[in-house]
Amino acid sequence: MPTDHGFRRLRKTQNRASADACDRTAGPVQSAVGAGLHLLSLAFAGTVDHATLSGMTDDQKTQSAEDPQVRELAEIPAVEVITRSAVMLMSAAAEKLGLGSADPDESPHRDLDEARRLITALAGLVTASAEFLGLHAGPLRDGLKSLQLAFREASAAPEEPGHGPGEKYTGPVW
């Protein structure tokens, strides 16, 4: 949590921040960017009105900073952040390959160029962080390989093994 001093300084600048919220040419509110990396909600900062997200969330209550389900970034282990990022990349790549539809060839979300980028990013992340992932590395590699093979199958002109998305990080996929 930010110190009381930080809250007082933020409250002093809150009126200025509200006035400058729509002015994209305004200078930064505080000179120390990312100092301490304390993330405040936009409602607290005065740039967004307090509102509920009805229609966007399943439960009608919003989470507050006191809620035990909300964690500070510093409390989240690196392996969890890496794993969640990899799962997000996998899910997005699967959607871009059309794997979320009954017929992937007719999926309105199919975009092989985007899928290539996501798979390459996933390959770089998994390869670079494999030593830290422990037991999670195997399933992530398997998922990556499945996406690489699905990409090859979905391509009109499949690339040679070793030249597909992410294969510069993983090696050829068969």
Foldseek 3Di string as FASTA:
>chain_A
DDDPVVLVLLVVCLVVCCVCLPPPPDDDSDPDPCVVVDDDDCCSSNSDPDDWPPVPDPDGDDDDPPDPVDDDPVPDDPLVVLLVVLVVLLVLLCVLQQVVDPDSVPRPNHDLVVSLVSLQVSLVSLLVCVVVNVPSSVVSVVSSLVSQVSSQVSDPHRDDFCPGRNCVRVPGRD
